[in-house]
Amino acid sequence: MLYCYLFVMDSITFASSSCSLVAGVLLVILIIFLKKKKSKRRVTLALPPGPPGWPIIGNIFQLGDNPHQSLFFLAQKYGPLMTIKLGMQTTLVVSSPSMAREVLKNNDQSFSSRTINTVTRVFSYQGTSLLWSPYGPQWRLLRKTCNTEIFSAKRLDALQHLRRDEVFRSIDSILENCKQENGVQIGERAFMISLTIMGKMIFGNKLFETGSAQAAEFKSMVRQALQLAGLPNLSDFFPFLGRFDLQGLNSKANSLAQRFDNMFDRIMEERLAQRADIPLKYSNEVKDFLDVMLDLREDGTQLTLENIKALFMDVFIAGIDTTSATIEWTMTELLRKPALMKKSQEELDDVVGVKRRMEEADIANLPYLRAVVKEVFRLHPLAPLIIRRADMSCEISGFFIPENTHVLVNAWAIGRDPSVWKDPLNFNPDRFLESNIDYKGQDFELLPFGAGRRICLGLPLAHRLIHLVVGSLLQAFTWSIPMGNEAGIDMSETFGITLQRTVPLRAIPTPRNVSKSYC
C-alpha cells in the first residue's frame, strides 16, 4: 500500500487525466483491501456464549412456561449477552442495562425492526401495522402521524374528559356495590375501564359501553387474540412448517382477524357515510381518533383504510391489556404491604384532598404514587421481553451479531439485577424517591416501554391512565384481601404477550371517609 501511495505522489507531474485514473484505481484497491480486512475480522469474531442445546430444536425446552425467568437464570451463567437457538432461529438475549444500551441506543439503527411471529402477522394485517412493520418509509409515516396527531399532549389533553368520566363512573359503580361479599376483580374492572376509554377516544361513542353485548363480544375477541399470539407455535421455530399449520393456530387467527376486520369495516363505513352527509365543522381538539385519521387520509397522505384498521388493532390488542395488567399488579403489591397503601392514600389526601376527585393534572404533584408505579414497572414490566431483530450485521462488545438475528431484551431480568438494584426482590417505592431513574427510554435500568426509535408510542397515554385509575381506587377505598386468603396473595405469573397474574386479583373495597361533595 505504501508503494502505491508513493507512485501516486510521483504521478502528480503527469497530466491530470492520468492522475485521476491512478487515484481512481488506488481508491478501488483501498476499498477492496478494507472490505477484505473487515470480512476477515468478522470471521474471527464469535457469537456471544450460550447454553448448549439439542440438535435441531436447540434450547427450546430450556425456556419452560416462563421464558423470561428461565433466561434470567441462564444469563447468570452465560452473561448479559447470550446466544440461544430456538429451532432454526439464532436469538440474542440481553440481560443488563449496559448491554441494553448497546442494542437499543448505540446500535439502534441495526436493531430497528421487530421479529414477528406467525399469529401476530395475521392480526397486524400481514405485519403492516405501526407496532410490527419493518423500519422504513412506511413505518416512519405511521410513527410521525400517530406521534403528532393521536398521542400528542395536545390531543390527549383534549380527550381527557373521556378518561376522567369513565374512571369516575367506575368508582361510582364500585361505591354502589361495595358491600358485595365477593369483592372486586381488579383486573377485569381495569380491563373494562381501558376498553371503554379506548373505544370512546378512537370512535367517539358508547360502542364498548360496560355491560353492552358489543363490549362483551369485543372483550372476548381481544382475549382470544392475546391468547393465540402468546402460544408457542412450531411454525415460528421451524418456518418450513408454516404451510402445514400443524397446530391450527394460523387458521384460528385468520378467522378471528376477519371478525375484527368486519367490525372495523362496519364502523368506518358508518363514519364515512356520516361525513358525506354532514361535513365536520368542529375543531380538531374534539375529534376522535377515527376522524383525525380519515382527515389525514383525505388530505393526501399515503394512509390507507387498511393502515387505519391496523393502527386500531395495535391500540386495542397491545394497549388495553398492558394497562389493565399494570393496574392489577400495582393493587396486588399494595395489598401485600398495607403500610405502603396507607402512605399513598395520605399523599392523595394531602395533595388532592377529600372534597374532590383526583384528576390527571394531579399526577405531577404525587411523587409517591409515581414511585409506586415505577416500582411496579421494575418488578412487573408490561412486556417482560422486548423484541427486536438485527436488520444488519454489527459488532457488540467484541461479539459478532449476524443479520436477521432475533433479539430479546429481558426487561424483567434487568429489573431484578442485584448489581443495579439494592434488595431487588423487595417492593420498595422509596428507592425512586431518591433516584432520577425514569421509564421514558433514557434510563436502561427501567425499560417497561422499551427505548430507542421503537419505544412504545402509547407511553404518554399509559402514564396518564395507570396513575389516574390507581390513584382513584386508592382515594375512594381502602382495599383488603377477602376472607380465606390470609395465607397471602398468590404472586405466580403467566407469560404471554403481557405478564399476567396466574390467579386474578380479587379485593374487598371499604369506602374511605370522603365528603359528600366528592361522592
Protein backbone atom coordinates (compact mmCIF):
# COMPACT_ATOMS: atom_id res chain seq x y z
CA MET A 1 0.00 0.00 0.00
CA LEU A 2 2.88 2.36 0.78
CA TYR A 3 4.33 1.70 -2.69
CA CYS A 4 1.05 2.56 -4.35
CA TYR A 5 0.86 5.77 -2.34
CA LEU A 6 4.42 6.85 -3.43
CA PHE A 7 3.64 6.02 -7.00
CA VAL A 8 0.62 8.29 -6.96
CA MET A 9 2.63 11.11 -5.42
CA ASP A 10 5.23 10.84 -8.21
CA SER A 11 2.48 10.86 -10.84
CA ILE A 12 1.33 14.36 -9.91
CA THR A 13 3.67 15.72 -12.56
CA PHE A 14 1.79 13.85 -15.30
CA ALA A 15 -1.38 15.00 -16.99
CA SER A 16 -4.41 15.49 -14.78
CA SER A 17 -6.32 12.72 -16.56
CA SER A 18 -3.57 10.21 -15.74
CA CYS A 19 -3.56 11.35 -12.14
CA SER A 20 -7.33 10.89 -11.86
CA LEU A 21 -7.08 7.41 -13.35
CA VAL A 22 -4.36 6.34 -10.93
CA ALA A 23 -6.22 7.87 -7.98
CA GLY A 24 -9.38 6.04 -9.01
CA VAL A 25 -7.56 2.72 -9.27
CA LEU A 26 -5.93 3.33 -5.89
CA LEU A 27 -9.32 4.09 -4.33
CA VAL A 28 -10.78 0.85 -5.68
CA ILE A 29 -7.78 -1.13 -4.37
CA LEU A 30 -8.09 0.55 -0.97
CA ILE A 31 -11.82 -0.21 -0.70
CA ILE A 32 -11.27 -3.86 -1.64
CA PHE A 33 -8.46 -4.14 0.88
CA LEU A 34 -10.53 -2.64 3.70
CA LYS A 35 -13.54 -4.83 2.88
CA LYS A 36 -11.40 -7.94 2.95
CA LYS A 37 -9.83 -6.85 6.20
CA LYS A 38 -13.27 -6.18 7.72
CA SER A 39 -14.63 -9.52 6.49
CA LYS A 40 -11.61 -11.34 7.86
CA ARG A 41 -12.10 -9.63 11.22
CA ARG A 42 -15.76 -10.62 11.31
CA VAL A 43 -14.85 -14.21 10.70
CA THR A 44 -12.60 -14.09 13.74
CA LEU A 45 -15.42 -12.64 15.91
CA ALA A 46 -17.70 -15.18 17.55
CA LEU A 47 -21.31 -15.14 18.64
CA PRO A 48 -21.87 -14.41 22.35
CA PRO A 49 -21.66 -17.53 24.55
CA GLY A 50 -24.76 -19.52 25.41
CA PRO A 51 -26.06 -22.82 26.76
CA PRO A 52 -25.59 -25.95 24.63
CA GLY A 53 -28.80 -27.12 23.01
CA TRP A 54 -30.29 -30.23 21.48
CA PRO A 55 -29.77 -30.96 17.78
CA ILE A 56 -32.42 -29.31 15.58
CA ILE A 57 -34.59 -27.98 18.46
CA GLY A 58 -31.82 -26.02 20.16
CA ASN A 59 -32.69 -24.55 23.57
CA ILE A 60 -36.49 -24.56 23.26
CA PHE A 61 -37.06 -26.99 26.13
CA GLN A 62 -34.86 -24.92 28.44
CA LEU A 63 -37.27 -21.99 28.35
CA GLY A 64 -40.19 -23.64 30.15
CA ASP A 65 -43.52 -21.93 30.80
CA ASN A 66 -41.90 -18.65 31.88
CA PRO A 67 -39.11 -17.86 29.39
CA HIS A 68 -38.30 -14.51 31.00
CA GLN A 69 -37.43 -16.29 34.25
CA SER A 70 -35.51 -19.12 32.58
CA LEU A 71 -33.46 -16.67 30.51
CA PHE A 72 -32.70 -14.66 33.65
CA PHE A 73 -31.18 -17.71 35.36
CA LEU A 74 -29.27 -18.77 32.23
CA ALA A 75 -27.79 -15.28 31.99
CA GLN A 76 -26.34 -15.69 35.48
CA LYS A 77 -24.07 -18.35 33.99
CA TYR A 78 -23.50 -17.20 30.42
CA GLY A 79 -23.51 -13.45 30.82
CA PRO A 80 -25.63 -10.41 29.94
CA LEU A 81 -25.12 -11.00 26.20
CA MET A 82 -26.09 -14.59 25.44
CA THR A 83 -26.90 -16.63 22.33
CA ILE A 84 -29.54 -19.35 22.25
CA LYS A 85 -31.02 -21.39 19.42
CA LEU A 86 -34.79 -21.67 19.17
CA GLY A 87 -35.27 -24.22 16.44
CA MET A 88 -33.78 -22.65 13.32
CA GLN A 89 -33.60 -19.20 14.88
CA THR A 90 -30.44 -17.66 16.30
CA THR A 91 -31.53 -15.47 19.21
CA LEU A 92 -29.56 -12.87 21.14
CA VAL A 93 -30.62 -12.41 24.78
CA VAL A 94 -29.75 -9.13 26.52
CA SER A 95 -29.94 -9.05 30.32
CA SER A 96 -28.17 -5.95 31.66
CA PRO A 97 -28.64 -2.17 31.38
CA SER A 98 -25.25 -1.68 29.68
CA MET A 99 -25.95 -4.29 27.01
CA ALA A 100 -29.50 -2.97 26.57
CA ARG A 101 -27.99 0.45 25.89
CA GLU A 102 -25.73 -1.09 23.23
CA VAL A 103 -28.70 -2.65 21.44
CA LEU A 104 -31.42 -0.04 21.92
CA LYS A 105 -29.34 3.14 21.69
CA ASN A 106 -25.78 2.77 20.42
CA ASN A 107 -26.82 0.30 17.69
CA ASP A 108 -30.44 1.35 17.46
CA GLN A 109 -30.42 1.53 13.66
CA SER A 110 -29.15 -2.03 13.37
CA PHE A 111 -31.98 -3.27 15.63
CA SER A 112 -34.79 -1.01 14.44
CA SER A 113 -37.22 -3.75 13.34
CA ARG A 114 -39.11 -6.40 15.29
CA THR A 115 -39.31 -10.14 14.91
CA ILE A 116 -42.93 -11.05 14.25
CA ASN A 117 -44.49 -14.45 14.84
CA THR A 118 -46.97 -16.18 12.55
CA VAL A 119 -50.13 -15.38 14.51
CA THR A 120 -49.19 -11.76 15.20
CA ARG A 121 -48.56 -11.27 11.48
CA VAL A 122 -52.19 -12.18 10.84
CA PHE A 123 -53.53 -9.74 13.44
CA SER A 124 -51.25 -6.92 12.24
CA TYR A 125 -52.51 -7.03 8.64
CA GLN A 126 -49.53 -9.05 7.47
CA GLY A 127 -47.06 -7.06 9.52
CA THR A 128 -48.05 -3.64 8.16
CA SER A 129 -49.20 -2.09 11.46
CA LEU A 130 -47.12 0.51 13.27
CA LEU A 131 -46.17 -1.91 16.01
CA TRP A 132 -44.90 -4.64 13.69
CA SER A 133 -43.97 -3.10 10.35
CA PRO A 134 -40.24 -3.15 9.49
CA TYR A 135 -38.27 0.03 9.84
CA GLY A 136 -38.58 2.12 6.70
CA PRO A 137 -40.59 4.90 4.99
CA GLN A 138 -43.99 3.35 5.77
CA TRP A 139 -43.14 2.91 9.45
CA ARG A 140 -41.81 6.48 9.67
CA LEU A 141 -45.03 7.84 8.16
CA LEU A 142 -47.21 5.92 10.61
CA ARG A 143 -44.99 6.87 13.54
CA LYS A 144 -44.98 10.56 12.69
CA THR A 145 -48.73 10.58 12.13
CA CYS A 146 -49.51 8.92 15.46
CA ASN A 147 -46.96 10.96 17.37
CA THR A 148 -48.28 14.32 16.20
CA GLU A 149 -51.97 13.63 15.63
CA ILE A 150 -53.02 10.99 18.15
CA PHE A 151 -50.66 10.64 21.12
CA SER A 152 -49.52 14.25 21.33
CA ALA A 153 -50.03 16.08 24.63
CA LYS A 154 -52.48 18.43 22.93
CA ARG A 155 -54.65 15.61 21.63
CA LEU A 156 -54.56 13.69 24.92
CA ASP A 157 -55.46 16.86 26.85
CA ALA A 158 -58.44 17.45 24.55
CA LEU A 159 -59.82 13.99 25.27
CA GLN A 160 -59.01 13.73 28.96
CA HIS A 161 -62.67 14.32 29.88
CA LEU A 162 -63.46 10.92 28.35
CA ARG A 163 -60.93 9.20 30.61
CA ARG A 164 -61.99 11.16 33.68
CA ASP A 165 -65.70 10.50 33.19
CA GLU A 166 -65.22 6.75 32.69
CA VAL A 167 -62.95 6.39 35.73
CA PHE A 168 -65.39 8.39 37.87
CA ARG A 169 -68.29 6.27 36.60
CA SER A 170 -66.43 3.09 37.51
CA ILE A 171 -65.63 4.39 41.02
CA ASP A 172 -69.31 5.23 41.49
CA SER A 173 -70.25 1.73 40.39
CA ILE A 174 -67.90 0.21 42.98
CA LEU A 175 -69.28 2.54 45.67
CA GLU A 176 -72.82 1.37 44.92
CA ASN A 177 -71.85 -2.28 45.18
CA CYS A 178 -69.04 -2.18 47.74
CA LYS A 179 -70.96 -4.38 50.20
CA GLN A 180 -70.86 -7.37 47.87
CA GLU A 181 -69.20 -10.31 49.61
CA ASN A 182 -67.13 -11.44 46.63
CA GLY A 183 -65.32 -8.14 46.25
CA VAL A 184 -63.97 -6.63 43.03
CA GLN A 185 -61.93 -8.38 40.35
CA ILE A 186 -59.37 -5.64 39.84
CA GLY A 187 -58.00 -6.88 36.51
CA GLU A 188 -61.43 -7.27 34.93
CA ARG A 189 -62.53 -3.87 36.18
CA ALA A 190 -59.34 -2.23 34.85
CA PHE A 191 -59.70 -4.06 31.53
CA MET A 192 -63.24 -2.75 31.02
CA ILE A 193 -62.21 0.79 32.01
CA SER A 194 -59.40 0.69 29.45
CA LEU A 195 -61.59 -0.87 26.75
CA THR A 196 -64.40 1.67 27.21
CA ILE A 197 -61.99 4.62 27.28
CA MET A 198 -60.14 3.48 24.16
CA GLY A 199 -63.44 2.88 22.38
CA LYS A 200 -64.55 6.44 23.13
CA MET A 201 -61.19 8.01 22.27
CA ILE A 202 -60.99 6.16 18.95
CA PHE A 203 -64.62 6.02 17.86
CA GLY A 204 -66.16 8.80 19.95
CA ASN A 205 -69.25 6.90 21.05
CA LYS A 206 -70.50 4.34 23.53
CA LEU A 207 -69.67 1.42 21.26
CA PHE A 208 -68.00 -0.55 24.07
CA GLU A 209 -70.08 0.70 26.99
CA THR A 210 -69.73 -1.54 30.07
CA GLY A 211 -72.48 -4.15 30.10
CA SER A 212 -73.30 -3.90 26.39
CA ALA A 213 -73.33 -7.00 24.19
CA GLN A 214 -70.85 -5.41 21.81
CA ALA A 215 -68.42 -4.70 24.65
CA ALA A 216 -68.67 -8.31 25.84
CA GLU A 217 -68.08 -9.61 22.32
CA PHE A 218 -65.11 -7.33 21.70
CA LYS A 219 -63.59 -8.15 25.08
CA SER A 220 -63.82 -11.85 24.23
CA MET A 221 -62.18 -11.22 20.84
CA VAL A 222 -59.28 -9.29 22.39
CA ARG A 223 -58.72 -12.01 24.99
CA GLN A 224 -58.70 -14.69 22.28
CA ALA A 225 -56.22 -12.72 20.18
CA LEU A 226 -53.87 -12.27 23.12
CA GLN A 227 -54.08 -15.96 23.95
CA LEU A 228 -53.38 -17.06 20.37
CA ALA A 229 -50.48 -14.65 19.93
CA GLY A 230 -48.87 -15.88 23.15
CA LEU A 231 -48.98 -19.62 22.36
CA PRO A 232 -45.76 -21.35 21.24
CA ASN A 233 -46.02 -22.09 17.53
CA LEU A 234 -43.87 -24.67 15.76
CA SER A 235 -44.06 -22.58 12.60
CA ASP A 236 -42.14 -19.78 14.32
CA PHE A 237 -39.26 -22.08 15.29
CA PHE A 238 -39.27 -24.02 12.00
CA PRO A 239 -40.58 -21.72 9.23
CA PHE A 240 -40.77 -24.52 6.66
CA LEU A 241 -43.65 -25.99 8.71
CA GLY A 242 -45.74 -22.84 8.26
CA ARG A 243 -47.59 -24.15 5.23
CA PHE A 244 -48.93 -27.11 7.22
CA ASP A 245 -50.34 -25.16 10.21
CA LEU A 246 -49.89 -28.25 12.37
CA GLN A 247 -51.42 -26.68 15.50
CA GLY A 248 -54.24 -24.91 13.69
CA LEU A 249 -53.20 -21.56 15.18
CA ASN A 250 -52.96 -19.81 11.83
CA SER A 251 -56.48 -20.89 10.89
CA LYS A 252 -57.90 -19.71 14.21
CA ALA A 253 -56.04 -16.40 13.93
CA ASN A 254 -57.33 -15.77 10.39
CA SER A 255 -60.90 -16.46 11.48
CA LEU A 256 -60.64 -14.12 14.47
CA ALA A 257 -58.84 -11.43 12.46
CA GLN A 258 -61.68 -11.47 9.96
CA ARG A 259 -64.14 -10.76 12.77
CA PHE A 260 -62.07 -7.75 13.84
CA ASP A 261 -61.81 -6.58 10.25
CA ASN A 262 -65.57 -6.86 9.70
CA MET A 263 -66.24 -4.85 12.86
CA PHE A 264 -63.77 -2.12 11.89
CA ASP A 265 -65.17 -2.01 8.34
CA ARG A 266 -68.69 -1.54 9.64
CA ILE A 267 -67.65 1.26 11.99
CA MET A 268 -65.63 3.03 9.29
CA GLU A 269 -68.37 2.73 6.67
CA GLU A 270 -70.87 4.30 9.05
CA ARG A 271 -68.46 7.15 9.81
CA LEU A 272 -67.68 7.78 6.13
CA ALA A 273 -71.40 7.94 5.41
CA GLN A 274 -71.88 10.46 8.22
CA ARG A 275 -69.03 12.60 6.95
CA ALA A 276 -70.53 12.59 3.44
CA ASP A 277 -73.95 13.72 4.72
CA ILE A 278 -72.83 16.21 7.37
CA PRO A 279 -69.42 17.86 6.82
CA LEU A 280 -67.47 18.05 10.07
CA LYS A 281 -67.32 21.62 11.32
CA TYR A 282 -65.97 21.16 14.80
CA SER A 283 -62.34 21.80 15.71
CA ASN A 284 -59.54 19.24 15.77
CA GLU A 285 -59.42 19.36 19.56
CA VAL A 286 -62.70 17.48 19.93
CA LYS A 287 -62.34 14.98 17.11
CA ASP A 288 -61.91 11.32 17.93
CA PHE A 289 -59.00 9.32 16.54
CA LEU A 290 -61.05 7.90 13.67
CA ASP A 291 -61.96 11.33 12.31
CA VAL A 292 -58.36 12.51 12.68
CA MET A 293 -57.10 9.55 10.64
CA LEU A 294 -59.79 9.94 8.00
CA ASP A 295 -58.95 13.65 7.71
CA LEU A 296 -55.29 12.79 7.13
CA ARG A 297 -56.24 10.22 4.51
CA GLU A 298 -58.36 12.79 2.67
CA ASP A 299 -55.59 15.40 2.90
CA GLY A 300 -53.43 13.41 0.53
CA THR A 301 -51.21 11.41 2.89
CA GLN A 302 -50.33 7.84 1.96
CA LEU A 303 -52.53 6.43 4.70
CA THR A 304 -54.96 3.73 3.57
CA LEU A 305 -58.06 2.36 5.26
CA GLU A 306 -56.04 -0.79 5.98
CA ASN A 307 -53.36 1.32 7.71
CA ILE A 308 -56.05 2.86 9.91
CA LYS A 309 -57.54 -0.53 10.81
CA ALA A 310 -54.06 -1.89 11.58
CA LEU A 311 -53.46 1.02 13.96
CA PHE A 312 -56.72 0.30 15.77
CA MET A 313 -55.64 -3.33 16.09
CA ASP A 314 -52.36 -2.22 17.69
CA VAL A 315 -54.14 0.03 20.20
CA PHE A 316 -56.78 -2.48 21.24
CA ILE A 317 -54.63 -5.62 21.30
CA ALA A 318 -51.43 -4.16 22.76
CA GLY A 319 -52.67 -1.14 24.69
CA ILE A 320 -55.62 -2.34 26.72
CA ASP A 321 -54.12 -5.49 28.23
CA THR A 322 -50.81 -3.88 29.19
CA THR A 323 -52.57 -1.06 31.02
CA SER A 324 -55.03 -3.27 32.90
CA ALA A 325 -52.31 -5.77 33.85
CA THR A 326 -50.15 -2.98 35.32
CA ILE A 327 -53.08 -1.65 37.37
CA GLU A 328 -53.74 -5.16 38.70
CA TRP A 329 -50.08 -5.71 39.66
CA THR A 330 -49.99 -2.31 41.37
CA MET A 331 -53.00 -3.08 43.53
CA THR A 332 -51.55 -6.53 44.26
CA GLU A 333 -48.31 -5.11 45.62
CA LEU A 334 -50.12 -2.52 47.75
CA LEU A 335 -52.42 -5.17 49.20
CA ARG A 336 -49.35 -7.15 50.24
CA LYS A 337 -47.99 -4.07 52.03
CA PRO A 338 -50.88 -2.14 53.63
CA ALA A 339 -48.46 0.42 55.09
CA LEU A 340 -47.49 1.48 51.57
CA MET A 341 -51.15 1.71 50.57
CA LYS A 342 -51.76 3.97 53.55
CA LYS A 343 -48.77 6.13 52.63
CA SER A 344 -50.15 6.55 49.09
CA GLN A 345 -53.57 7.48 50.45
CA GLU A 346 -52.10 10.03 52.83
CA GLU A 347 -50.32 11.69 49.92
CA LEU A 348 -53.59 11.80 47.98
CA ASP A 349 -55.36 13.35 50.98
CA ASP A 350 -52.64 15.99 51.34
CA VAL A 351 -52.39 16.91 47.64
CA VAL A 352 -55.90 16.30 46.29
CA GLY A 353 -57.93 16.43 49.49
CA VAL A 354 -61.20 14.71 50.29
CA LYS A 355 -63.63 17.19 48.72
CA ARG A 356 -62.81 16.46 45.09
CA ARG A 357 -61.63 13.56 42.98
CA MET A 358 -58.14 13.05 41.65
CA GLU A 359 -57.59 14.20 38.07
CA GLU A 360 -54.75 13.78 35.56
CA ALA A 361 -53.40 17.23 36.41
CA ASP A 362 -52.64 15.96 39.93
CA ILE A 363 -50.21 13.26 38.77
CA ALA A 364 -47.25 15.67 38.64
CA ASN A 365 -47.82 16.54 42.31
CA LEU A 366 -47.96 12.95 43.58
CA PRO A 367 -44.33 11.77 43.76
CA TYR A 368 -45.06 8.75 45.96
CA LEU A 369 -47.81 7.46 43.65
CA ARG A 370 -45.40 7.85 40.73
CA ALA A 371 -42.74 5.96 42.70
CA VAL A 372 -45.22 3.13 43.36
CA VAL A 373 -45.95 2.80 39.64
CA LYS A 374 -42.23 2.87 38.78
CA GLU A 375 -41.57 0.09 41.26
CA VAL A 376 -44.34 -1.97 39.64
CA PHE A 377 -42.80 -1.35 36.23
CA ARG A 378 -39.46 -2.59 37.62
CA LEU A 379 -40.81 -5.86 39.04
CA HIS A 380 -43.67 -6.46 36.60
CA PRO A 381 -42.82 -4.80 33.26
CA LEU A 382 -45.62 -4.53 30.71
CA ALA A 383 -43.77 -6.72 28.24
CA PRO A 384 -41.11 -8.81 30.02
CA LEU A 385 -39.18 -9.41 26.79
CA ILE A 386 -38.55 -6.51 24.40
CA ILE A 387 -38.48 -7.88 20.84
CA ARG A 388 -36.09 -6.69 18.15
CA ARG A 389 -34.40 -8.04 15.02
CA ALA A 390 -30.98 -7.31 13.54
CA ASP A 391 -31.58 -5.58 10.20
CA MET A 392 -27.86 -5.65 9.51
CA SER A 393 -24.80 -7.35 10.92
CA CYS A 394 -22.98 -5.50 13.67
CA GLU A 395 -20.50 -5.89 16.49
CA ILE A 396 -21.43 -5.58 20.16
CA SER A 397 -18.95 -5.83 23.00
CA GLY A 398 -16.49 -7.76 20.84
CA PHE A 399 -19.08 -10.24 19.54
CA PHE A 400 -20.44 -10.56 16.02
CA ILE A 401 -24.23 -10.33 15.63
CA PRO A 402 -25.34 -11.62 12.19
CA GLU A 403 -28.10 -10.06 10.14
CA ASN A 404 -31.61 -11.41 10.90
CA THR A 405 -30.64 -12.47 14.41
CA HIS A 406 -33.67 -12.36 16.71
CA VAL A 407 -33.16 -10.21 19.81
CA LEU A 408 -34.82 -10.42 23.23
CA VAL A 409 -34.05 -7.69 25.77
CA ASN A 410 -35.08 -9.16 29.12
CA ALA A 411 -36.63 -6.15 30.89
CA TRP A 412 -37.84 -8.47 33.65
CA ALA A 413 -34.27 -9.62 34.36
CA ILE A 414 -32.86 -6.08 34.26
CA GLY A 415 -35.40 -5.04 36.91
CA ARG A 416 -34.05 -7.77 39.20
CA ASP A 417 -30.34 -7.26 38.56
CA PRO A 418 -28.69 -7.19 42.03
CA SER A 419 -25.77 -5.20 40.63
CA VAL A 420 -28.21 -2.41 39.75
CA TRP A 421 -30.91 -2.62 42.42
CA LYS A 422 -30.43 -2.96 46.17
CA ASP A 423 -32.61 -5.75 47.57
CA PRO A 424 -34.14 -6.24 44.09
CA LEU A 425 -36.93 -8.66 45.07
CA ASN A 426 -38.35 -6.30 47.69
CA PHE A 427 -41.19 -4.00 46.62
CA ASN A 428 -39.89 -0.64 47.81
CA PRO A 429 -41.18 2.53 46.07
CA ASP A 430 -38.95 4.67 48.29
CA ARG A 431 -35.97 3.75 46.11
CA PHE A 432 -37.40 6.02 43.38
CA LEU A 433 -37.87 8.98 45.71
CA GLU A 434 -34.09 9.17 45.91
CA SER A 435 -33.45 8.45 42.22
CA ASN A 436 -33.96 10.25 38.92
CA ILE A 437 -34.40 6.98 37.02
CA ASP A 438 -37.46 7.17 34.77
CA TYR A 439 -39.16 4.98 32.16
CA LYS A 440 -39.06 7.43 29.21
CA GLY A 441 -36.38 5.42 27.39
CA GLN A 442 -33.23 7.21 28.60
CA ASP A 443 -32.54 5.06 31.67
CA PHE A 444 -31.79 1.47 30.69
CA GLU A 445 -32.27 0.16 34.21
CA LEU A 446 -36.04 0.59 33.74
CA LEU A 447 -37.49 -0.40 30.36
CA PRO A 448 -41.23 -1.16 30.60
CA PHE A 449 -41.87 0.72 27.35
CA GLY A 450 -38.60 -0.11 25.60
CA ALA A 451 -36.24 2.54 24.25
CA GLY A 452 -34.87 3.96 21.03
CA ARG A 453 -36.88 4.66 17.90
CA ARG A 454 -39.16 1.70 18.69
CA ILE A 455 -40.13 2.90 22.16
CA CYS A 456 -43.83 2.34 22.83
CA LEU A 457 -45.82 5.16 21.26
CA GLY A 458 -48.62 4.77 23.80
CA LEU A 459 -46.39 5.69 26.76
CA PRO A 460 -47.98 9.15 27.36
CA LEU A 461 -51.49 7.67 27.41
CA ALA A 462 -50.49 4.70 29.60
CA HIS A 463 -48.75 7.07 32.03
CA ARG A 464 -51.91 9.12 32.46
CA LEU A 465 -54.38 6.26 32.64
CA ILE A 466 -52.46 3.99 35.03
CA HIS A 467 -51.86 6.77 37.56
CA LEU A 468 -55.43 8.07 37.28
CA VAL A 469 -57.05 4.67 37.82
CA VAL A 470 -54.77 3.57 40.66
CA GLY A 471 -54.98 6.95 42.37
CA SER A 472 -58.77 6.97 42.08
CA LEU A 473 -59.09 3.46 43.53
CA LEU A 474 -56.87 4.41 46.48
CA GLN A 475 -58.53 7.76 47.11
CA ALA A 476 -62.04 6.29 47.27
CA PHE A 477 -61.38 2.98 49.06
CA THR A 478 -59.20 1.09 51.46
CA TRP A 479 -58.66 -2.36 50.00
CA SER A 480 -58.29 -5.69 51.78
CA ILE A 481 -57.85 -9.38 50.99
CA PRO A 482 -61.04 -11.49 51.01
CA MET A 483 -61.63 -13.83 53.94
CA GLY A 484 -59.85 -17.15 53.50
CA ASN A 485 -56.81 -15.61 51.79
CA GLU A 486 -54.96 -14.72 54.97
CA ALA A 487 -52.09 -17.01 53.94
CA GLY A 488 -51.14 -14.41 51.35
CA ILE A 489 -51.65 -13.46 47.72
CA ASP A 490 -50.53 -15.86 45.01
CA MET A 491 -47.82 -13.98 43.07
CA SER A 492 -47.29 -16.51 40.27
CA GLU A 493 -47.01 -15.16 36.73
CA THR A 494 -48.33 -16.36 33.40
CA PHE A 495 -46.13 -15.46 30.46
CA GLY A 496 -47.67 -14.18 27.24
CA ILE A 497 -47.84 -11.02 25.17
CA THR A 498 -48.12 -9.35 28.58
CA LEU A 499 -47.14 -10.62 32.01
CA GLN A 500 -50.40 -11.58 33.68
CA ARG A 501 -51.23 -12.76 37.16
CA THR A 502 -51.94 -16.50 37.12
CA VAL A 503 -54.66 -16.05 39.75
CA PRO A 504 -56.80 -12.93 39.10
CA LEU A 505 -56.77 -10.46 41.96
CA ARG A 506 -59.97 -10.06 43.94
CA ALA A 507 -60.12 -7.42 46.68
CA ILE A 508 -62.68 -6.02 49.12
CA PRO A 509 -63.26 -2.23 48.93
CA THR A 510 -64.17 -0.24 52.04
CA PRO A 511 -65.22 3.37 51.35
CA ARG A 512 -62.90 5.91 52.92
CA ASN A 513 -64.02 8.96 54.84
CA VAL A 514 -64.63 11.21 51.87
CA SER A 515 -67.00 14.14 51.83
CA LYS A 516 -70.44 14.13 50.24
CA SER A 517 -69.24 16.60 47.65
CA TYR A 518 -66.74 14.00 46.47
CA CYS A 519 -69.43 11.31 46.18
